[in-house]
Amino acid sequence: MTDAPPVTPAAAPAPASVPGKTLGIVALIVTFFASLIGLILGFVARSQSKAAGVKNTPATVAIVLGFIFLIGQILFFVLGGAALFSGLFAACAELGPGVHELNGVTYTCS
């Protein structure tokens, strides 16, 4: 009786690449540094994945975080600008109309 060689299972095929998955991960990372760019990359990555019929969770998270960070940045600049102008208006209310120099800064109040 002859011994048959042991049967080894065939190697599992490599998983198929998910279109947009790498770009979704890049978008997620970029969102923390530049929210608008990360938001745009997230939409592109999700569009690529959607065309292939697969879900892209990193791209979706990048889109959500991109919107949150973008709104936060807009609020930061709007409130910062409001604080700056409120200080200017308060200084002009205290100094009165005219041109004033205070601590090396010239204020023109009307």
PDB file of N, CA and C in Angstrom:
ATOM      1  N   MET A   1       0.834  -1.155   0.000  1.00  0.00           N
ATOM      2  CA  MET A   1       0.000   0.000   0.000  1.00  0.00           C
ATOM      3  C   MET A   1       0.893   1.237   0.000  1.00  0.00           C
ATOM      4  N   THR A   2       0.562   2.167  -0.858  1.00  0.00           N
ATOM      5  CA  THR A   2       1.379   3.380  -0.953  1.00  0.00           C
ATOM      6  C   THR A   2       0.716   4.506  -0.184  1.00  0.00           C
ATOM      7  N   ASP A   3       1.548   5.280   0.422  1.00  0.00           N
ATOM      8  CA  ASP A   3       1.020   6.429   1.165  1.00  0.00           C
ATOM      9  C   ASP A   3       0.852   7.611   0.210  1.00  0.00           C
ATOM     10  N   ALA A   4      -0.339   8.172   0.218  1.00  0.00           N
ATOM     11  CA  ALA A   4      -0.591   9.353  -0.609  1.00  0.00           C
ATOM     12  C   ALA A   4       0.018  10.571   0.074  1.00  0.00           C
ATOM     13  N   PRO A   5       0.512  11.498  -0.706  1.00  0.00           N
ATOM     14  CA  PRO A   5       1.073  12.703  -0.092  1.00  0.00           C
ATOM     15  C   PRO A   5      -0.030  13.477   0.634  1.00  0.00           C
ATOM     16  N   PRO A   6       0.335  14.109   1.728  1.00  0.00           N
ATOM     17  CA  PRO A   6      -0.704  14.847   2.464  1.00  0.00           C
ATOM     18  C   PRO A   6      -1.288  15.969   1.606  1.00  0.00           C
ATOM     19  N   VAL A   7      -2.559  16.122   1.760  1.00  0.00           N
ATOM     20  CA  VAL A   7      -3.257  17.160   1.005  1.00  0.00           C
ATOM     21  C   VAL A   7      -3.198  18.453   1.810  1.00  0.00           C
ATOM     22  N   THR A   8      -2.660  19.487   1.215  1.00  0.00           N
ATOM     23  CA  THR A   8      -2.610  20.798   1.879  1.00  0.00           C
ATOM     24  C   THR A   8      -3.695  21.674   1.283  1.00  0.00           C
ATOM     25  N   PRO A   9      -4.376  22.389   2.126  1.00  0.00           N
ATOM     26  CA  PRO A   9      -5.428  23.265   1.580  1.00  0.00           C
ATOM     27  C   PRO A   9      -4.786  24.380   0.756  1.00  0.00           C
ATOM     28  N   ALA A  10      -5.512  24.772  -0.245  1.00  0.00           N
ATOM     29  CA  ALA A  10      -5.024  25.862  -1.093  1.00  0.00           C
ATOM     30  C   ALA A  10      -4.961  27.142  -0.276  1.00  0.00           C
ATOM     31  N   ALA A  11      -3.999  27.953  -0.600  1.00  0.00           N
ATOM     32  CA  ALA A  11      -3.857  29.230   0.105  1.00  0.00           C
ATOM     33  C   ALA A  11      -5.098  30.073  -0.137  1.00  0.00           C
ATOM     34  N   ALA A  12      -5.526  30.729   0.896  1.00  0.00           N
ATOM     35  CA  ALA A  12      -6.706  31.585   0.774  1.00  0.00           C
ATOM     36  C   ALA A  12      -6.369  32.758  -0.141  1.00  0.00           C
ATOM     37  N   PRO A  13      -7.292  33.108  -1.000  1.00  0.00           N
ATOM     38  CA  PRO A  13      -7.013  34.236  -1.891  1.00  0.00           C
ATOM     39  C   PRO A  13      -6.915  35.530  -1.082  1.00  0.00           C
ATOM     40  N   ALA A  14      -6.114  36.437  -1.587  1.00  0.00           N
ATOM     41  CA  ALA A  14      -5.964  37.731  -0.917  1.00  0.00           C
ATOM     42  C   ALA A  14      -7.299  38.459  -0.955  1.00  0.00           C
ATOM     43  N   PRO A  15      -7.627  39.147   0.126  1.00  0.00           N
ATOM     44  CA  PRO A  15      -8.904  39.863   0.122  1.00  0.00           C
ATOM     45  C   PRO A  15      -8.907  40.941  -0.957  1.00  0.00           C
ATOM     46  N   ALA A  16     -10.061  41.102  -1.551  1.00  0.00           N
ATOM     47  CA  ALA A  16     -10.192  42.098  -2.614  1.00  0.00           C
ATOM     48  C   ALA A  16     -10.039  43.495  -2.035  1.00  0.00           C
ATOM     49  N   SER A  17      -9.405  44.334  -2.778  1.00  0.00           N
ATOM     50  CA  SER A  17      -9.197  45.716  -2.346  1.00  0.00           C
ATOM     51  C   SER A  17     -10.522  46.475  -2.418  1.00  0.00           C
ATOM     52  N   VAL A  18     -10.809  47.227  -1.393  1.00  0.00           N
ATOM     53  CA  VAL A  18     -12.033  48.021  -1.358  1.00  0.00           C
ATOM     54  C   VAL A  18     -11.713  49.393  -1.924  1.00  0.00           C
ATOM     55  N   PRO A  19     -12.328  49.756  -3.043  1.00  0.00           N
ATOM     56  CA  PRO A  19     -12.044  51.068  -3.624  1.00  0.00           C
ATOM     57  C   PRO A  19     -12.390  52.190  -2.646  1.00  0.00           C
ATOM     58  N   GLY A  20     -11.473  53.102  -2.476  1.00  0.00           N
ATOM     59  CA  GLY A  20     -11.705  54.258  -1.613  1.00  0.00           C
ATOM     60  C   GLY A  20     -11.365  54.038  -0.157  1.00  0.00           C
ATOM     61  N   LYS A  21     -11.032  52.821   0.232  1.00  0.00           N
ATOM     62  CA  LYS A  21     -10.766  52.537   1.648  1.00  0.00           C
ATOM     63  C   LYS A  21      -9.505  53.269   2.127  1.00  0.00           C
ATOM     64  N   THR A  22      -8.428  53.212   1.339  1.00  0.00           N
ATOM     65  CA  THR A  22      -7.192  53.898   1.721  1.00  0.00           C
ATOM     66  C   THR A  22      -7.416  55.402   1.756  1.00  0.00           C
ATOM     67  N   LEU A  23      -8.125  55.919   0.769  1.00  0.00           N
ATOM     68  CA  LEU A  23      -8.407  57.357   0.753  1.00  0.00           C
ATOM     69  C   LEU A  23      -9.292  57.743   1.934  1.00  0.00           C
ATOM     70  N   GLY A  24     -10.173  56.864   2.347  1.00  0.00           N
ATOM     71  CA  GLY A  24     -11.007  57.126   3.520  1.00  0.00           C
ATOM     72  C   GLY A  24     -10.184  57.238   4.786  1.00  0.00           C
ATOM     73  N   ILE A  25      -9.176  56.369   4.916  1.00  0.00           N
ATOM     74  CA  ILE A  25      -8.290  56.433   6.084  1.00  0.00           C
ATOM     75  C   ILE A  25      -7.466  57.712   6.053  1.00  0.00           C
ATOM     76  N   VAL A  26      -6.965  58.067   4.860  1.00  0.00           N
ATOM     77  CA  VAL A  26      -6.208  59.319   4.714  1.00  0.00           C
ATOM     78  C   VAL A  26      -7.099  60.510   5.062  1.00  0.00           C
ATOM     79  N   ALA A  27      -8.338  60.486   4.591  1.00  0.00           N
ATOM     80  CA  ALA A  27      -9.281  61.573   4.889  1.00  0.00           C
ATOM     81  C   ALA A  27      -9.520  61.699   6.384  1.00  0.00           C
ATOM     82  N   LEU A  28      -9.630  60.567   7.056  1.00  0.00           N
ATOM     83  CA  LEU A  28      -9.852  60.574   8.500  1.00  0.00           C
ATOM     84  C   LEU A  28      -8.684  61.217   9.229  1.00  0.00           C
ATOM     85  N   ILE A  29      -7.472  60.914   8.816  1.00  0.00           N
ATOM     86  CA  ILE A  29      -6.291  61.502   9.456  1.00  0.00           C
ATOM     87  C   ILE A  29      -6.174  62.986   9.131  1.00  0.00           C
ATOM     88  N   VAL A  30      -6.389  63.341   7.869  1.00  0.00           N
ATOM     89  CA  VAL A  30      -6.256  64.741   7.448  1.00  0.00           C
ATOM     90  C   VAL A  30      -7.307  65.625   8.119  1.00  0.00           C
ATOM     91  N   THR A  31      -8.465  65.070   8.409  1.00  0.00           N
ATOM     92  CA  THR A  31      -9.545  65.839   9.025  1.00  0.00           C
ATOM     93  C   THR A  31      -9.112  66.494  10.334  1.00  0.00           C
ATOM     94  N   PHE A  32      -8.210  65.835  11.068  1.00  0.00           N
ATOM     95  CA  PHE A  32      -7.761  66.393  12.337  1.00  0.00           C
ATOM     96  C   PHE A  32      -6.870  67.618  12.160  1.00  0.00           C
ATOM     97  N   PHE A  33      -6.266  67.769  10.991  1.00  0.00           N
ATOM     98  CA  PHE A  33      -5.349  68.887  10.760  1.00  0.00           C
ATOM     99  C   PHE A  33      -5.946  69.958   9.846  1.00  0.00           C
ATOM    100  N   ALA A  34      -6.704  69.541   8.858  1.00  0.00           N
ATOM    101  CA  ALA A  34      -7.333  70.468   7.903  1.00  0.00           C
ATOM    102  C   ALA A  34      -8.730  69.930   7.617  1.00  0.00           C
ATOM    103  N   SER A  35      -9.707  70.425   8.362  1.00  0.00           N
ATOM    104  CA  SER A  35     -11.045  69.836   8.312  1.00  0.00           C
ATOM    105  C   SER A  35     -11.687  69.904   6.928  1.00  0.00           C
ATOM    106  N   LEU A  36     -11.522  71.004   6.234  1.00  0.00           N
ATOM    107  CA  LEU A  36     -12.171  71.140   4.927  1.00  0.00           C
ATOM    108  C   LEU A  36     -11.578  70.158   3.917  1.00  0.00           C
ATOM    109  N   ILE A  37     -10.265  70.003   3.910  1.00  0.00           N
ATOM    110  CA  ILE A  37      -9.618  69.066   2.991  1.00  0.00           C
ATOM    111  C   ILE A  37     -10.013  67.628   3.345  1.00  0.00           C
ATOM    112  N   GLY A  38     -10.027  67.307   4.632  1.00  0.00           N
ATOM    113  CA  GLY A  38     -10.445  65.981   5.059  1.00  0.00           C
ATOM    114  C   GLY A  38     -11.890  65.697   4.693  1.00  0.00           C
ATOM    115  N   LEU A  39     -12.728  66.708   4.795  1.00  0.00           N
ATOM    116  CA  LEU A  39     -14.139  66.566   4.429  1.00  0.00           C
ATOM    117  C   LEU A  39     -14.279  66.251   2.945  1.00  0.00           C
ATOM    118  N   ILE A  40     -13.550  66.972   2.111  1.00  0.00           N
ATOM    119  CA  ILE A  40     -13.606  66.744   0.662  1.00  0.00           C
ATOM    120  C   ILE A  40     -13.078  65.354   0.321  1.00  0.00           C
ATOM    121  N   LEU A  41     -11.939  64.977   0.914  1.00  0.00           N
ATOM    122  CA  LEU A  41     -11.384  63.643   0.661  1.00  0.00           C
ATOM    123  C   LEU A  41     -12.346  62.548   1.119  1.00  0.00           C
ATOM    124  N   GLY A  42     -13.040  62.786   2.233  1.00  0.00           N
ATOM    125  CA  GLY A  42     -14.019  61.815   2.724  1.00  0.00           C
ATOM    126  C   GLY A  42     -15.156  61.603   1.735  1.00  0.00           C
ATOM    127  N   PHE A  43     -15.638  62.700   1.151  1.00  0.00           N
ATOM    128  CA  PHE A  43     -16.700  62.569   0.154  1.00  0.00           C
ATOM    129  C   PHE A  43     -16.216  61.824  -1.084  1.00  0.00           C
ATOM    130  N   VAL A  44     -14.985  62.104  -1.517  1.00  0.00           N
ATOM    131  CA  VAL A  44     -14.432  61.404  -2.687  1.00  0.00           C
ATOM    132  C   VAL A  44     -14.281  59.909  -2.389  1.00  0.00           C
ATOM    133  N   ALA A  45     -13.745  59.582  -1.220  1.00  0.00           N
ATOM    134  CA  ALA A  45     -13.553  58.176  -0.852  1.00  0.00           C
ATOM    135  C   ALA A  45     -14.884  57.447  -0.748  1.00  0.00           C
ATOM    136  N   ARG A  46     -15.870  58.087  -0.139  1.00  0.00           N
ATOM    137  CA  ARG A  46     -17.176  57.430  -0.003  1.00  0.00           C
ATOM    138  C   ARG A  46     -17.833  57.245  -1.367  1.00  0.00           C
ATOM    139  N   SER A  47     -17.631  58.204  -2.265  1.00  0.00           N
ATOM    140  CA  SER A  47     -18.176  58.088  -3.615  1.00  0.00           C
ATOM    141  C   SER A  47     -17.551  56.913  -4.360  1.00  0.00           C
ATOM    142  N   GLN A  48     -16.235  56.739  -4.212  1.00  0.00           N
ATOM    143  CA  GLN A  48     -15.559  55.614  -4.864  1.00  0.00           C
ATOM    144  C   GLN A  48     -16.075  54.284  -4.320  1.00  0.00           C
ATOM    145  N   SER A  49     -16.233  54.210  -3.023  1.00  0.00           N
ATOM    146  CA  SER A  49     -16.712  52.969  -2.408  1.00  0.00           C
ATOM    147  C   SER A  49     -18.170  52.698  -2.769  1.00  0.00           C
ATOM    148  N   LYS A  50     -18.957  53.749  -2.816  1.00  0.00           N
ATOM    149  CA  LYS A  50     -20.372  53.587  -3.139  1.00  0.00           C
ATOM    150  C   LYS A  50     -20.542  53.071  -4.572  1.00  0.00           C
ATOM    151  N   ALA A  51     -19.678  53.543  -5.480  1.00  0.00           N
ATOM    152  CA  ALA A  51     -19.745  53.078  -6.865  1.00  0.00           C
ATOM    153  C   ALA A  51     -19.408  51.592  -6.956  1.00  0.00           C
ATOM    154  N   ALA A  52     -18.552  51.114  -6.054  1.00  0.00           N
ATOM    155  CA  ALA A  52     -18.200  49.701  -6.035  1.00  0.00           C
ATOM    156  C   ALA A  52     -19.198  48.876  -5.232  1.00  0.00           C
ATOM    157  N   GLY A  53     -20.117  49.540  -4.547  1.00  0.00           N
ATOM    158  CA  GLY A  53     -21.144  48.832  -3.783  1.00  0.00           C
ATOM    159  C   GLY A  53     -20.691  48.350  -2.418  1.00  0.00           C
ATOM    160  N   VAL A  54     -19.691  49.004  -1.832  1.00  0.00           N
ATOM    161  CA  VAL A  54     -19.217  48.616  -0.504  1.00  0.00           C
ATOM    162  C   VAL A  54     -19.289  49.811   0.433  1.00  0.00           C
ATOM    163  N   LYS A  55     -19.328  49.501   1.736  1.00  0.00           N
ATOM    164  CA  LYS A  55     -19.360  50.561   2.741  1.00  0.00           C
ATOM    165  C   LYS A  55     -17.935  51.006   3.046  1.00  0.00           C
ATOM    166  N   ASN A  56     -17.790  52.272   3.386  1.00  0.00           N
ATOM    167  CA  ASN A  56     -16.481  52.816   3.733  1.00  0.00           C
ATOM    168  C   ASN A  56     -16.636  53.596   5.039  1.00  0.00           C
ATOM    169  N   THR A  57     -16.493  52.900   6.147  1.00  0.00           N
ATOM    170  CA  THR A  57     -16.684  53.512   7.459  1.00  0.00           C
ATOM    171  C   THR A  57     -15.679  54.632   7.740  1.00  0.00           C
ATOM    172  N   PRO A  58     -14.386  54.470   7.429  1.00  0.00           N
ATOM    173  CA  PRO A  58     -13.463  55.595   7.690  1.00  0.00           C
ATOM    174  C   PRO A  58     -13.849  56.866   6.939  1.00  0.00           C
ATOM    175  N   ALA A  59     -14.338  56.724   5.717  1.00  0.00           N
ATOM    176  CA  ALA A  59     -14.749  57.905   4.954  1.00  0.00           C
ATOM    177  C   ALA A  59     -15.966  58.564   5.600  1.00  0.00           C
ATOM    178  N   THR A  60     -16.903  57.767   6.067  1.00  0.00           N
ATOM    179  CA  THR A  60     -18.093  58.319   6.719  1.00  0.00           C
ATOM    180  C   THR A  60     -17.713  59.037   8.011  1.00  0.00           C
ATOM    181  N   VAL A  61     -16.811  58.453   8.783  1.00  0.00           N
ATOM    182  CA  VAL A  61     -16.355  59.097  10.021  1.00  0.00           C
ATOM    183  C   VAL A  61     -15.617  60.385   9.691  1.00  0.00           C
ATOM    184  N   ALA A  62     -14.811  60.378   8.620  1.00  0.00           N
ATOM    185  CA  ALA A  62     -14.093  61.588   8.209  1.00  0.00           C
ATOM    186  C   ALA A  62     -15.065  62.698   7.826  1.00  0.00           C
ATOM    187  N   ILE A  63     -16.150  62.345   7.171  1.00  0.00           N
ATOM    188  CA  ILE A  63     -17.155  63.344   6.785  1.00  0.00           C
ATOM    189  C   ILE A  63     -17.819  63.935   8.022  1.00  0.00           C
ATOM    190  N   VAL A  64     -18.216  63.091   8.949  1.00  0.00           N
ATOM    191  CA  VAL A  64     -18.884  63.578  10.166  1.00  0.00           C
ATOM    192  C   VAL A  64     -17.935  64.465  10.974  1.00  0.00           C
ATOM    193  N   LEU A  65     -16.708  63.985  11.199  1.00  0.00           N
ATOM    194  CA  LEU A  65     -15.749  64.784  11.960  1.00  0.00           C
ATOM    195  C   LEU A  65     -15.365  66.054  11.206  1.00  0.00           C
ATOM    196  N   GLY A  66     -15.287  65.972   9.891  1.00  0.00           N
ATOM    197  CA  GLY A  66     -14.968  67.157   9.091  1.00  0.00           C
ATOM    198  C   GLY A  66     -16.000  68.251   9.283  1.00  0.00           C
ATOM    199  N   PHE A  67     -17.285  67.872   9.266  1.00  0.00           N
ATOM    200  CA  PHE A  67     -18.338  68.861   9.508  1.00  0.00           C
ATOM    201  C   PHE A  67     -18.242  69.426  10.924  1.00  0.00           C
ATOM    202  N   ILE A  68     -18.029  68.568  11.900  1.00  0.00           N
ATOM    203  CA  ILE A  68     -17.951  69.031  13.292  1.00  0.00           C
ATOM    204  C   ILE A  68     -16.776  69.993  13.479  1.00  0.00           C
ATOM    205  N   PHE A  69     -15.597  69.609  12.979  1.00  0.00           N
ATOM    206  CA  PHE A  69     -14.420  70.467  13.135  1.00  0.00           C
ATOM    207  C   PHE A  69     -14.564  71.765  12.345  1.00  0.00           C
ATOM    208  N   LEU A  70     -15.158  71.700  11.155  1.00  0.00           N
ATOM    209  CA  LEU A  70     -15.339  72.909  10.345  1.00  0.00           C
ATOM    210  C   LEU A  70     -16.287  73.882  11.036  1.00  0.00           C
ATOM    211  N   ILE A  71     -17.370  73.382  11.580  1.00  0.00           N
ATOM    212  CA  ILE A  71     -18.305  74.247  12.317  1.00  0.00           C
ATOM    213  C   ILE A  71     -17.611  74.835  13.538  1.00  0.00           C
ATOM    214  N   GLY A  72     -16.816  74.028  14.229  1.00  0.00           N
ATOM    215  CA  GLY A  72     -16.068  74.529  15.384  1.00  0.00           C
ATOM    216  C   GLY A  72     -15.088  75.626  15.007  1.00  0.00           C
ATOM    217  N   GLN A  73     -14.393  75.459  13.887  1.00  0.00           N
ATOM    218  CA  GLN A  73     -13.448  76.488  13.445  1.00  0.00           C
ATOM    219  C   GLN A  73     -14.167  77.766  13.056  1.00  0.00           C
ATOM    220  N   ILE A  74     -15.289  77.641  12.371  1.00  0.00           N
ATOM    221  CA  ILE A  74     -16.057  78.829  11.991  1.00  0.00           C
ATOM    222  C   ILE A  74     -16.539  79.563  13.235  1.00  0.00           C
ATOM    223  N   LEU A  75     -17.069  78.834  14.202  1.00  0.00           N
ATOM    224  CA  LEU A  75     -17.519  79.471  15.442  1.00  0.00           C
ATOM    225  C   LEU A  75     -16.368  80.136  16.183  1.00  0.00           C
ATOM    226  N   PHE A  76     -15.210  79.488  16.197  1.00  0.00           N
ATOM    227  CA  PHE A  76     -14.038  80.057  16.862  1.00  0.00           C
ATOM    228  C   PHE A  76     -13.660  81.398  16.244  1.00  0.00           C
ATOM    229  N   PHE A  77     -13.624  81.463  14.917  1.00  0.00           N
ATOM    230  CA  PHE A  77     -13.235  82.711  14.261  1.00  0.00           C
ATOM    231  C   PHE A  77     -14.322  83.772  14.365  1.00  0.00           C
ATOM    232  N   VAL A  78     -15.579  83.389  14.283  1.00  0.00           N
ATOM    233  CA  VAL A  78     -16.663  84.367  14.404  1.00  0.00           C
ATOM    234  C   VAL A  78     -16.696  84.945  15.818  1.00  0.00           C
ATOM    235  N   LEU A  79     -16.615  84.077  16.824  1.00  0.00           N
ATOM    236  CA  LEU A  79     -16.638  84.565  18.204  1.00  0.00           C
ATOM    237  C   LEU A  79     -15.378  85.343  18.544  1.00  0.00           C
ATOM    238  N   GLY A  80     -14.247  84.930  17.999  1.00  0.00           N
ATOM    239  CA  GLY A  80     -13.006  85.681  18.207  1.00  0.00           C
ATOM    240  C   GLY A  80     -13.081  87.059  17.576  1.00  0.00           C
ATOM    241  N   GLY A  81     -13.645  87.131  16.378  1.00  0.00           N
ATOM    242  CA  GLY A  81     -13.818  88.429  15.714  1.00  0.00           C
ATOM    243  C   GLY A  81     -14.803  89.309  16.464  1.00  0.00           C
ATOM    244  N   ALA A  82     -15.863  88.700  16.988  1.00  0.00           N
ATOM    245  CA  ALA A  82     -16.838  89.464  17.763  1.00  0.00           C
ATOM    246  C   ALA A  82     -16.199  90.011  19.031  1.00  0.00           C
ATOM    247  N   ALA A  83     -15.349  89.225  19.680  1.00  0.00           N
ATOM    248  CA  ALA A  83     -14.670  89.695  20.885  1.00  0.00           C
ATOM    249  C   ALA A  83     -13.707  90.835  20.549  1.00  0.00           C
ATOM    250  N   LEU A  84     -13.035  90.727  19.410  1.00  0.00           N
ATOM    251  CA  LEU A  84     -12.116  91.779  18.990  1.00  0.00           C
ATOM    252  C   LEU A  84     -12.858  93.076  18.736  1.00  0.00           C
ATOM    253  N   PHE A  85     -13.954  92.998  17.977  1.00  0.00           N
ATOM    254  CA  PHE A  85     -14.705  94.205  17.672  1.00  0.00           C
ATOM    255  C   PHE A  85     -15.442  94.763  18.885  1.00  0.00           C
ATOM    256  N   SER A  86     -15.863  93.901  19.789  1.00  0.00           N
ATOM    257  CA  SER A  86     -16.526  94.415  20.996  1.00  0.00           C
ATOM    258  C   SER A  86     -15.527  95.192  21.847  1.00  0.00           C
ATOM    259  N   GLY A  87     -14.277  94.732  21.882  1.00  0.00           N
ATOM    260  CA  GLY A  87     -13.242  95.491  22.591  1.00  0.00           C
ATOM    261  C   GLY A  87     -12.975  96.825  21.925  1.00  0.00           C
ATOM    262  N   LEU A  88     -12.985  96.852  20.609  1.00  0.00           N
ATOM    263  CA  LEU A  88     -12.779  98.101  19.873  1.00  0.00           C
ATOM    264  C   LEU A  88     -13.932  99.064  20.136  1.00  0.00           C
ATOM    265  N   PHE A  89     -15.151  98.565  20.097  1.00  0.00           N
ATOM    266  CA  PHE A  89     -16.316  99.430  20.351  1.00  0.00           C
ATOM    267  C   PHE A  89     -16.313  99.950  21.792  1.00  0.00           C
ATOM    268  N   ALA A  90     -15.891  99.103  22.717  1.00  0.00           N
ATOM    269  CA  ALA A  90     -15.829  99.540  24.114  1.00  0.00           C
ATOM    270  C   ALA A  90     -14.772 100.629  24.282  1.00  0.00           C
ATOM    271  N   ALA A  91     -13.632 100.485  23.617  1.00  0.00           N
ATOM    272  CA  ALA A  91     -12.590 101.507  23.696  1.00  0.00           C
ATOM    273  C   ALA A  91     -13.074 102.816  23.097  1.00  0.00           C
ATOM    274  N   CYS A  92     -13.765 102.769  21.974  1.00  0.00           N
ATOM    275  CA  CYS A  92     -14.282 103.979  21.342  1.00  0.00           C
ATOM    276  C   CYS A  92     -15.380 104.621  22.195  1.00  0.00           C
ATOM    277  N   ALA A  93     -16.184 103.817  22.856  1.00  0.00           N
ATOM    278  CA  ALA A  93     -17.228 104.370  23.714  1.00  0.00           C
ATOM    279  C   ALA A  93     -16.603 105.108  24.894  1.00  0.00           C
ATOM    280  N   GLU A  94     -15.492 104.585  25.379  1.00  0.00           N
ATOM    281  CA  GLU A  94     -14.814 105.205  26.512  1.00  0.00           C
ATOM    282  C   GLU A  94     -14.036 106.450  26.100  1.00  0.00           C
ATOM    283  N   LEU A  95     -13.403 106.401  24.917  1.00  0.00           N
ATOM    284  CA  LEU A  95     -12.553 107.509  24.477  1.00  0.00           C
ATOM    285  C   LEU A  95     -13.340 108.631  23.820  1.00  0.00           C
ATOM    286  N   GLY A  96     -14.457 108.324  23.174  1.00  0.00           N
ATOM    287  CA  GLY A  96     -15.238 109.335  22.474  1.00  0.00           C
ATOM    288  C   GLY A  96     -14.782 109.456  21.034  1.00  0.00           C
ATOM    289  N   PRO A  97     -15.467 110.309  20.265  1.00  0.00           N
ATOM    290  CA  PRO A  97     -15.128 110.448  18.847  1.00  0.00           C
ATOM    291  C   PRO A  97     -13.767 111.125  18.668  1.00  0.00           C
ATOM    292  N   GLY A  98     -13.119 110.786  17.539  1.00  0.00           N
ATOM    293  CA  GLY A  98     -11.828 111.375  17.218  1.00  0.00           C
ATOM    294  C   GLY A  98     -10.775 110.305  17.031  1.00  0.00           C
ATOM    295  N   VAL A  99      -9.513 110.778  16.916  1.00  0.00           N
ATOM    296  CA  VAL A  99      -8.382 109.875  16.748  1.00  0.00           C
ATOM    297  C   VAL A  99      -7.624 109.846  18.057  1.00  0.00           C
ATOM    298  N   HIS A 100      -7.410 108.651  18.596  1.00  0.00           N
ATOM    299  CA  HIS A 100      -6.761 108.495  19.895  1.00  0.00           C
ATOM    300  C   HIS A 100      -5.612 107.500  19.775  1.00  0.00           C
ATOM    301  N   GLU A 101      -4.553 107.731  20.538  1.00  0.00           N
ATOM    302  CA  GLU A 101      -3.460 106.781  20.596  1.00  0.00           C
ATOM    303  C   GLU A 101      -3.375 106.258  22.013  1.00  0.00           C
ATOM    304  N   LEU A 102      -3.438 104.962  22.145  1.00  0.00           N
ATOM    305  CA  LEU A 102      -3.465 104.319  23.440  1.00  0.00           C
ATOM    306  C   LEU A 102      -2.523 103.133  23.407  1.00  0.00           C
ATOM    307  N   ASN A 103      -1.458 103.165  24.203  1.00  0.00           N
ATOM    308  CA  ASN A 103      -0.463 102.093  24.266  1.00  0.00           C
ATOM    309  C   ASN A 103       0.135 101.780  22.900  1.00  0.00           C
ATOM    310  N   GLY A 104       0.400 102.796  22.110  1.00  0.00           N
ATOM    311  CA  GLY A 104       1.002 102.619  20.798  1.00  0.00           C
ATOM    312  C   GLY A 104       0.032 102.183  19.719  1.00  0.00           C
ATOM    313  N   VAL A 105      -1.244 102.109  20.032  1.00  0.00           N
ATOM    314  CA  VAL A 105      -2.262 101.726  19.052  1.00  0.00           C
ATOM    315  C   VAL A 105      -3.141 102.922  18.782  1.00  0.00           C
ATOM    316  N   THR A 106      -3.343 103.221  17.486  1.00  0.00           N
ATOM    317  CA  THR A 106      -4.170 104.357  17.105  1.00  0.00           C
ATOM    318  C   THR A 106      -5.592 103.896  16.874  1.00  0.00           C
ATOM    319  N   TYR A 107      -6.537 104.521  17.564  1.00  0.00           N
ATOM    320  CA  TYR A 107      -7.964 104.234  17.420  1.00  0.00           C
ATOM    321  C   TYR A 107      -8.610 105.418  16.726  1.00  0.00           C
ATOM    322  N   THR A 108      -9.388 105.154  15.680  1.00  0.00           N
ATOM    323  CA  THR A 108     -10.157 106.190  15.028  1.00  0.00           C
ATOM    324  C   THR A 108     -11.622 105.907  15.311  1.00  0.00           C
ATOM    325  N   CYS A 109     -12.214 106.749  16.134  1.00  0.00           N
ATOM    326  CA  CYS A 109     -13.601 106.549  16.532  1.00  0.00           C
ATOM    327  C   CYS A 109     -14.455 107.641  15.912  1.00  0.00           C
ATOM    328  N   SER A 110     -15.613 107.258  15.440  1.00  0.00           N
ATOM    329  CA  SER A 110     -16.496 108.274  14.852  1.00  0.00           C
ATOM    330  C   SER A 110     -17.784 108.380  15.612  1.00  0.00           C
TER     331      SER A 110
END
